[in-house]
């Protein structure tokens, strides 16, 4: 099992009031699953995403990634997990404005201490995988919104992580460009990666093979999507 969560709680103190963001969540996700985590604002999906991505820790309960209990890790060990095991894709792209696409994709490998030539090879491979082999020297302001998001996806892939964790990945894009991005995720999943999408948009969740719905800090439903919205993986243009 890639991810195993048991009785997960996350409480926040807001003034004199305690807020239960997660209230006893149980969840298993296996290798090469394609999962959408859905829910309205305040449902707990963003808190769950932050814990899955080792950006936050639970108040109590268990989160095991590859059989490792995350709560027992030091800050340095958590940083290593984030760098090596999890590829993040954010709604706002989070690209360096003055760096070209190749350098943006290389960054996780710089932090990992990889040598320059190997970094370049891996970054080129990742950009080719998302159809941007001819845009490597372009800076973010020279790319469309969809191209910028595909640079962000390439950056998430470059360390060959266990999980691609995407937070509202089409939120800043028009519907046509959003379909291109979902085609990229489809291809990534078909290549054997585990993809977890966090979204409030039903049409985006329809692409996943499994849909987990959250409400009030709990899992309301968890079902296999028997009729996924499959997009042509050639839909992401070069």
C-alpha atoms as a PDB file:
ATOM      1  CA  UNK A   1       0.000   0.000   0.000  1.00  0.00           C
ATOM      2  CA  UNK A   2       1.396   3.396  -0.991  1.00  0.00           C
ATOM      3  CA  UNK A   3      -0.703   5.522   1.403  1.00  0.00           C
ATOM      4  CA  UNK A   4      -2.495   4.337   4.532  1.00  0.00           C
ATOM      5  CA  UNK A   5      -4.396   6.805   6.756  1.00  0.00           C
ATOM      6  CA  UNK A   6      -6.205   5.805   9.937  1.00  0.00           C
ATOM      7  CA  UNK A   7      -8.383   7.921  12.258  1.00  0.00           C
ATOM      8  CA  UNK A   8      -6.743  11.132  11.081  1.00  0.00           C
ATOM      9  CA  UNK A   9      -7.607  14.332  12.947  1.00  0.00           C
ATOM     10  CA  UNK A  10      -6.408  17.897  12.425  1.00  0.00           C
ATOM     11  CA  UNK A  11      -7.587  20.615  14.787  1.00  0.00           C
ATOM     12  CA  UNK A  12      -6.801  24.324  14.642  1.00  0.00           C
ATOM     13  CA  UNK A  13      -7.187  26.923  17.349  1.00  0.00           C
ATOM     14  CA  UNK A  14      -8.876  30.072  16.014  1.00  0.00           C
ATOM     15  CA  UNK A  15      -9.108  32.515  18.888  1.00  0.00           C
ATOM     16  CA  UNK A  16     -11.058  30.758  21.634  1.00  0.00           C
ATOM     17  CA  UNK A  17     -12.581  28.266  19.217  1.00  0.00           C
ATOM     18  CA  UNK A  18     -11.192  24.907  18.124  1.00  0.00           C
ATOM     19  CA  UNK A  19     -11.844  24.061  14.483  1.00  0.00           C
ATOM     20  CA  UNK A  20     -11.909  20.395  13.428  1.00  0.00           C
ATOM     21  CA  UNK A  21     -10.546  20.468   9.879  1.00  0.00           C
ATOM     22  CA  UNK A  22     -10.266  16.656   9.776  1.00  0.00           C
ATOM     23  CA  UNK A  23     -12.429  14.508  12.014  1.00  0.00           C
ATOM     24  CA  UNK A  24     -11.436  10.840  11.831  1.00  0.00           C
ATOM     25  CA  UNK A  25     -10.407  10.165   8.230  1.00  0.00           C
ATOM     26  CA  UNK A  26      -9.559   6.637   7.002  1.00  0.00           C
ATOM     27  CA  UNK A  27      -8.108   6.349   3.497  1.00  0.00           C
ATOM     28  CA  UNK A  28      -5.946   3.924   1.496  1.00  0.00           C
ATOM     29  CA  UNK A  29      -4.411   4.761  -1.881  1.00  0.00           C
ATOM     30  CA  UNK A  30      -2.394   2.200  -3.814  1.00  0.00           C
ATOM     31  CA  UNK A  31       0.350   2.615  -6.395  1.00  0.00           C
ATOM     32  CA  UNK A  32      -0.864   3.796  -9.842  1.00  0.00           C
ATOM     33  CA  UNK A  33      -4.282   4.929  -8.656  1.00  0.00           C
ATOM     34  CA  UNK A  34      -5.863   8.056 -10.148  1.00  0.00           C
ATOM     35  CA  UNK A  35      -7.872   9.675  -7.347  1.00  0.00           C
ATOM     36  CA  UNK A  36      -9.861  12.897  -7.105  1.00  0.00           C
ATOM     37  CA  UNK A  37     -10.500  14.333  -3.645  1.00  0.00           C
ATOM     38  CA  UNK A  38     -13.592  16.550  -3.834  1.00  0.00           C
ATOM     39  CA  UNK A  39     -15.515  18.793  -1.520  1.00  0.00           C
ATOM     40  CA  UNK A  40     -16.739  22.330  -0.964  1.00  0.00           C
ATOM     41  CA  UNK A  41     -14.766  25.013   0.846  1.00  0.00           C
ATOM     42  CA  UNK A  42     -14.329  23.981   4.466  1.00  0.00           C
ATOM     43  CA  UNK A  43     -14.761  20.260   3.757  1.00  0.00           C
ATOM     44  CA  UNK A  44     -11.207  19.401   4.810  1.00  0.00           C
ATOM     45  CA  UNK A  45      -9.843  18.500   1.376  1.00  0.00           C
ATOM     46  CA  UNK A  46      -7.083  21.138   1.439  1.00  0.00           C
ATOM     47  CA  UNK A  47      -6.025  20.111   4.946  1.00  0.00           C
ATOM     48  CA  UNK A  48      -5.897  16.484   3.827  1.00  0.00           C
ATOM     49  CA  UNK A  49      -3.831  17.487   0.792  1.00  0.00           C
ATOM     50  CA  UNK A  50      -1.351  19.344   3.013  1.00  0.00           C
ATOM     51  CA  UNK A  51      -0.941  16.288   5.222  1.00  0.00           C
ATOM     52  CA  UNK A  52      -0.599  13.938   2.229  1.00  0.00           C
ATOM     53  CA  UNK A  53       2.097  16.284   0.894  1.00  0.00           C
ATOM     54  CA  UNK A  54       3.916  16.386   4.253  1.00  0.00           C
ATOM     55  CA  UNK A  55       3.309  20.144   4.442  1.00  0.00           C
ATOM     56  CA  UNK A  56       1.327  19.717   7.679  1.00  0.00           C
ATOM     57  CA  UNK A  57       1.083  17.111  10.433  1.00  0.00           C
ATOM     58  CA  UNK A  58      -2.037  15.582  12.006  1.00  0.00           C
ATOM     59  CA  UNK A  59      -3.193  16.362  15.541  1.00  0.00           C
ATOM     60  CA  UNK A  60      -3.639  12.624  15.994  1.00  0.00           C
ATOM     61  CA  UNK A  61      -4.039   9.504  13.930  1.00  0.00           C
ATOM     62  CA  UNK A  62      -1.728   7.703  11.528  1.00  0.00           C
ATOM     63  CA  UNK A  63      -0.409   8.574   8.072  1.00  0.00           C
ATOM     64  CA  UNK A  64       1.922   5.975   6.583  1.00  0.00           C
ATOM     65  CA  UNK A  65       3.625   6.531   3.225  1.00  0.00           C
ATOM     66  CA  UNK A  66       5.360   3.450   1.873  1.00  0.00           C
ATOM     67  CA  UNK A  67       4.974   1.885   5.350  1.00  0.00           C
ATOM     68  CA  UNK A  68       6.765   4.841   7.017  1.00  0.00           C
ATOM     69  CA  UNK A  69       4.909   6.664   9.811  1.00  0.00           C
ATOM     70  CA  UNK A  70       5.178  10.301   8.736  1.00  0.00           C
ATOM     71  CA  UNK A  71       4.526  11.771  12.211  1.00  0.00           C
ATOM     72  CA  UNK A  72       7.748  10.181  13.493  1.00  0.00           C
ATOM     73  CA  UNK A  73      10.008  11.897  10.932  1.00  0.00           C
ATOM     74  CA  UNK A  74      12.251  14.875  11.615  1.00  0.00           C
ATOM     75  CA  UNK A  75      11.963  18.145   9.661  1.00  0.00           C
ATOM     76  CA  UNK A  76      14.936  17.119   7.502  1.00  0.00           C
ATOM     77  CA  UNK A  77      13.388  13.719   6.773  1.00  0.00           C
ATOM     78  CA  UNK A  78      10.073  15.377   5.877  1.00  0.00           C
ATOM     79  CA  UNK A  79      11.894  17.736   3.503  1.00  0.00           C
ATOM     80  CA  UNK A  80      13.529  14.726   1.833  1.00  0.00           C
ATOM     81  CA  UNK A  81      10.131  13.014   1.457  1.00  0.00           C
ATOM     82  CA  UNK A  82       8.655  16.170  -0.122  1.00  0.00           C
ATOM     83  CA  UNK A  83      11.570  16.441  -2.530  1.00  0.00           C
ATOM     84  CA  UNK A  84      11.878  12.782  -3.538  1.00  0.00           C
ATOM     85  CA  UNK A  85       8.462  11.160  -3.106  1.00  0.00           C
ATOM     86  CA  UNK A  86       5.931  13.903  -3.918  1.00  0.00           C
ATOM     87  CA  UNK A  87       5.585  16.042  -7.021  1.00  0.00           C
ATOM     88  CA  UNK A  88       3.425  19.120  -6.416  1.00  0.00           C
ATOM     89  CA  UNK A  89       1.308  20.913  -9.026  1.00  0.00           C
ATOM     90  CA  UNK A  90      -0.369  24.126  -7.850  1.00  0.00           C
ATOM     91  CA  UNK A  91      -3.162  26.255  -9.279  1.00  0.00           C
ATOM     92  CA  UNK A  92      -0.847  29.290  -9.454  1.00  0.00           C
ATOM     93  CA  UNK A  93       2.032  27.431 -11.238  1.00  0.00           C
ATOM     94  CA  UNK A  94       4.699  28.810  -8.798  1.00  0.00           C
ATOM     95  CA  UNK A  95       7.340  29.267 -11.507  1.00  0.00           C
ATOM     96  CA  UNK A  96      10.381  31.538 -11.256  1.00  0.00           C
ATOM     97  CA  UNK A  97       9.641  34.479 -13.562  1.00  0.00           C
ATOM     98  CA  UNK A  98      13.267  35.117 -14.600  1.00  0.00           C
ATOM     99  CA  UNK A  99      14.157  31.472 -15.232  1.00  0.00           C
ATOM    100  CA  UNK A 100      13.441  29.586 -18.436  1.00  0.00           C
ATOM    101  CA  UNK A 101      11.342  26.413 -18.510  1.00  0.00           C
ATOM    102  CA  UNK A 102      14.381  24.131 -18.333  1.00  0.00           C
ATOM    103  CA  UNK A 103      15.757  25.822 -15.212  1.00  0.00           C
ATOM    104  CA  UNK A 104      12.337  25.858 -13.534  1.00  0.00           C
ATOM    105  CA  UNK A 105      12.030  22.108 -14.063  1.00  0.00           C
ATOM    106  CA  UNK A 106      15.599  21.510 -12.832  1.00  0.00           C
ATOM    107  CA  UNK A 107      15.024  23.159  -9.441  1.00  0.00           C
ATOM    108  CA  UNK A 108      13.996  20.064  -7.423  1.00  0.00           C
ATOM    109  CA  UNK A 109      17.128  18.319  -8.701  1.00  0.00           C
ATOM    110  CA  UNK A 110      19.288  21.267  -7.633  1.00  0.00           C
ATOM    111  CA  UNK A 111      17.883  20.889  -4.108  1.00  0.00           C
ATOM    112  CA  UNK A 112      18.542  17.145  -4.312  1.00  0.00           C
ATOM    113  CA  UNK A 113      22.215  17.816  -5.082  1.00  0.00           C
ATOM    114  CA  UNK A 114      22.226  16.190  -8.530  1.00  0.00           C
ATOM    115  CA  UNK A 115      25.081  17.006 -10.893  1.00  0.00           C
ATOM    116  CA  UNK A 116      24.490  19.588 -13.623  1.00  0.00           C
ATOM    117  CA  UNK A 117      24.574  17.313 -16.676  1.00  0.00           C
ATOM    118  CA  UNK A 118      22.271  14.698 -15.159  1.00  0.00           C
ATOM    119  CA  UNK A 119      19.864  17.463 -14.084  1.00  0.00           C
ATOM    120  CA  UNK A 120      19.724  18.784 -17.641  1.00  0.00           C
ATOM    121  CA  UNK A 121      19.007  15.345 -19.109  1.00  0.00           C
ATOM    122  CA  UNK A 122      16.215  14.654 -16.598  1.00  0.00           C
ATOM    123  CA  UNK A 123      14.666  18.115 -17.046  1.00  0.00           C
ATOM    124  CA  UNK A 124      14.647  17.761 -20.845  1.00  0.00           C
ATOM    125  CA  UNK A 125      13.004  14.330 -20.546  1.00  0.00           C
ATOM    126  CA  UNK A 126      10.284  15.745 -18.283  1.00  0.00           C
ATOM    127  CA  UNK A 127       9.559  18.674 -20.635  1.00  0.00           C
ATOM    128  CA  UNK A 128       9.404  16.315 -23.609  1.00  0.00           C
ATOM    129  CA  UNK A 129       6.954  14.142 -21.652  1.00  0.00           C
ATOM    130  CA  UNK A 130       4.497  17.059 -21.374  1.00  0.00           C
ATOM    131  CA  UNK A 131       4.949  18.162 -24.993  1.00  0.00           C
ATOM    132  CA  UNK A 132       7.192  21.179 -24.367  1.00  0.00           C
ATOM    133  CA  UNK A 133      10.421  20.011 -25.928  1.00  0.00           C
ATOM    134  CA  UNK A 134      10.493  23.101 -28.150  1.00  0.00           C
ATOM    135  CA  UNK A 135       9.795  25.568 -25.321  1.00  0.00           C
ATOM    136  CA  UNK A 136      12.697  24.785 -23.005  1.00  0.00           C
ATOM    137  CA  UNK A 137      14.350  28.208 -23.327  1.00  0.00           C
ATOM    138  CA  UNK A 138      11.135  30.185 -22.945  1.00  0.00           C
ATOM    139  CA  UNK A 139      10.451  32.099 -19.733  1.00  0.00           C
ATOM    140  CA  UNK A 140       6.998  31.941 -18.091  1.00  0.00           C
ATOM    141  CA  UNK A 141       5.862  35.285 -19.581  1.00  0.00           C
ATOM    142  CA  UNK A 142       6.590  33.845 -23.032  1.00  0.00           C
ATOM    143  CA  UNK A 143       4.285  30.866 -22.442  1.00  0.00           C
ATOM    144  CA  UNK A 144       0.500  30.475 -22.377  1.00  0.00           C
ATOM    145  CA  UNK A 145      -1.278  29.536 -19.145  1.00  0.00           C
ATOM    146  CA  UNK A 146      -1.567  25.925 -20.253  1.00  0.00           C
ATOM    147  CA  UNK A 147       2.120  25.776 -21.184  1.00  0.00           C
ATOM    148  CA  UNK A 148       3.082  27.225 -17.802  1.00  0.00           C
ATOM    149  CA  UNK A 149       1.038  24.572 -16.047  1.00  0.00           C
ATOM    150  CA  UNK A 150       2.707  21.879 -18.129  1.00  0.00           C
ATOM    151  CA  UNK A 151       6.102  23.260 -17.066  1.00  0.00           C
ATOM    152  CA  UNK A 152       4.855  22.901 -13.478  1.00  0.00           C
ATOM    153  CA  UNK A 153       3.783  19.299 -14.210  1.00  0.00           C
ATOM    154  CA  UNK A 154       7.219  18.561 -15.712  1.00  0.00           C
ATOM    155  CA  UNK A 155       8.832  19.989 -12.557  1.00  0.00           C
ATOM    156  CA  UNK A 156       6.623  17.688 -10.464  1.00  0.00           C
ATOM    157  CA  UNK A 157       7.696  14.675 -12.558  1.00  0.00           C
ATOM    158  CA  UNK A 158      11.426  15.356 -12.730  1.00  0.00           C
ATOM    159  CA  UNK A 159      12.332  13.624  -9.450  1.00  0.00           C
ATOM    160  CA  UNK A 160      10.318  10.549 -10.493  1.00  0.00           C
ATOM    161  CA  UNK A 161       8.186  10.754  -7.345  1.00  0.00           C
ATOM    162  CA  UNK A 162       5.780   8.191  -5.906  1.00  0.00           C
ATOM    163  CA  UNK A 163       2.869  10.648  -5.997  1.00  0.00           C
ATOM    164  CA  UNK A 164       1.776  13.539  -8.209  1.00  0.00           C
ATOM    165  CA  UNK A 165      -0.319  15.779  -5.944  1.00  0.00           C
ATOM    166  CA  UNK A 166      -2.265  18.444  -7.843  1.00  0.00           C
ATOM    167  CA  UNK A 167      -4.209  21.232  -6.107  1.00  0.00           C
ATOM    168  CA  UNK A 168      -6.944  22.713  -8.363  1.00  0.00           C
ATOM    169  CA  UNK A 169      -4.587  22.313 -11.365  1.00  0.00           C
ATOM    170  CA  UNK A 170      -7.008  23.831 -13.889  1.00  0.00           C
ATOM    171  CA  UNK A 171      -8.409  26.559 -11.653  1.00  0.00           C
ATOM    172  CA  UNK A 172      -6.712  29.449 -13.500  1.00  0.00           C
ATOM    173  CA  UNK A 173      -7.280  28.067 -16.995  1.00  0.00           C
ATOM    174  CA  UNK A 174     -10.064  28.234 -19.563  1.00  0.00           C
ATOM    175  CA  UNK A 175     -11.988  25.032 -20.266  1.00  0.00           C
ATOM    176  CA  UNK A 176     -10.113  24.131 -23.463  1.00  0.00           C
ATOM    177  CA  UNK A 177      -6.716  24.591 -21.836  1.00  0.00           C
ATOM    178  CA  UNK A 178      -7.983  22.691 -18.810  1.00  0.00           C
ATOM    179  CA  UNK A 179      -8.709  19.722 -21.067  1.00  0.00           C
ATOM    180  CA  UNK A 180      -5.117  19.849 -22.335  1.00  0.00           C
ATOM    181  CA  UNK A 181      -3.872  19.706 -18.743  1.00  0.00           C
ATOM    182  CA  UNK A 182      -6.172  16.793 -17.935  1.00  0.00           C
ATOM    183  CA  UNK A 183      -4.817  15.008 -21.024  1.00  0.00           C
ATOM    184  CA  UNK A 184      -1.334  15.470 -19.563  1.00  0.00           C
ATOM    185  CA  UNK A 185      -2.436  13.924 -16.249  1.00  0.00           C
ATOM    186  CA  UNK A 186      -4.073  11.044 -18.133  1.00  0.00           C
ATOM    187  CA  UNK A 187      -0.773  10.314 -19.870  1.00  0.00           C
ATOM    188  CA  UNK A 188       1.170  10.584 -16.603  1.00  0.00           C
ATOM    189  CA  UNK A 189      -1.197   8.077 -14.967  1.00  0.00           C
ATOM    190  CA  UNK A 190      -0.976   5.707 -17.951  1.00  0.00           C
ATOM    191  CA  UNK A 191       2.817   5.734 -17.561  1.00  0.00           C
ATOM    192  CA  UNK A 192       2.411   4.252 -14.061  1.00  0.00           C
ATOM    193  CA  UNK A 193       2.336   7.271 -11.767  1.00  0.00           C
ATOM    194  CA  UNK A 194      -0.032   7.716  -8.826  1.00  0.00           C
ATOM    195  CA  UNK A 195      -2.082  10.883  -9.405  1.00  0.00           C
ATOM    196  CA  UNK A 196      -4.115  12.621  -6.674  1.00  0.00           C
ATOM    197  CA  UNK A 197      -6.205  15.615  -7.722  1.00  0.00           C
ATOM    198  CA  UNK A 198      -7.743  17.966  -5.173  1.00  0.00           C
ATOM    199  CA  UNK A 199     -10.641  19.842  -6.745  1.00  0.00           C
ATOM    200  CA  UNK A 200     -14.101  21.288  -6.150  1.00  0.00           C
ATOM    201  CA  UNK A 201     -15.004  20.975  -9.854  1.00  0.00           C
ATOM    202  CA  UNK A 202     -17.105  17.883 -10.744  1.00  0.00           C
ATOM    203  CA  UNK A 203     -16.042  17.915 -14.414  1.00  0.00           C
ATOM    204  CA  UNK A 204     -12.371  17.725 -13.376  1.00  0.00           C
ATOM    205  CA  UNK A 205     -13.036  14.950 -10.837  1.00  0.00           C
ATOM    206  CA  UNK A 206     -14.772  12.954 -13.596  1.00  0.00           C
ATOM    207  CA  UNK A 207     -11.363  12.288 -15.187  1.00  0.00           C
ATOM    208  CA  UNK A 208     -10.182  10.297 -12.147  1.00  0.00           C
ATOM    209  CA  UNK A 209     -10.777   6.562 -11.755  1.00  0.00           C
ATOM    210  CA  UNK A 210     -11.774   6.980  -8.115  1.00  0.00           C
ATOM    211  CA  UNK A 211     -13.602   9.867  -6.429  1.00  0.00           C
ATOM    212  CA  UNK A 212     -13.387  10.609  -2.701  1.00  0.00           C
ATOM    213  CA  UNK A 213     -15.923  13.201  -1.486  1.00  0.00           C
ATOM    214  CA  UNK A 214     -15.373  15.084   1.751  1.00  0.00           C
ATOM    215  CA  UNK A 215     -17.757  17.010   3.980  1.00  0.00           C
ATOM    216  CA  UNK A 216     -17.205  18.570   7.407  1.00  0.00           C
ATOM    217  CA  UNK A 217     -13.780  16.994   7.816  1.00  0.00           C
ATOM    218  CA  UNK A 218     -14.919  13.459   7.030  1.00  0.00           C
ATOM    219  CA  UNK A 219     -15.098  11.221   3.984  1.00  0.00           C
ATOM    220  CA  UNK A 220     -18.698  11.271   2.808  1.00  0.00           C
ATOM    221  CA  UNK A 221     -18.253   8.795  -0.048  1.00  0.00           C
ATOM    222  CA  UNK A 222     -15.464   6.869  -1.796  1.00  0.00           C
ATOM    223  CA  UNK A 223     -16.277   5.128  -5.044  1.00  0.00           C
ATOM    224  CA  UNK A 224     -14.786   3.841  -8.274  1.00  0.00           C
ATOM    225  CA  UNK A 225     -15.622   6.030 -11.255  1.00  0.00           C
ATOM    226  CA  UNK A 226     -16.976   3.439 -13.682  1.00  0.00           C
ATOM    227  CA  UNK A 227     -17.346   5.948 -16.518  1.00  0.00           C
ATOM    228  CA  UNK A 228     -14.327   8.256 -16.350  1.00  0.00           C
ATOM    229  CA  UNK A 229     -14.116  11.207 -18.680  1.00  0.00           C
ATOM    230  CA  UNK A 230     -11.189  10.037 -20.800  1.00  0.00           C
ATOM    231  CA  UNK A 231      -9.423  12.638 -22.913  1.00  0.00           C
ATOM    232  CA  UNK A 232      -7.176  11.945 -25.866  1.00  0.00           C
ATOM    233  CA  UNK A 233      -3.598  12.031 -24.562  1.00  0.00           C
ATOM    234  CA  UNK A 234      -2.635  13.712 -27.820  1.00  0.00           C
ATOM    235  CA  UNK A 235      -4.788  16.669 -26.732  1.00  0.00           C
ATOM    236  CA  UNK A 236      -1.833  18.376 -25.044  1.00  0.00           C
ATOM    237  CA  UNK A 237      -0.134  20.050 -28.019  1.00  0.00           C
ATOM    238  CA  UNK A 238       3.594  20.576 -28.399  1.00  0.00           C
END
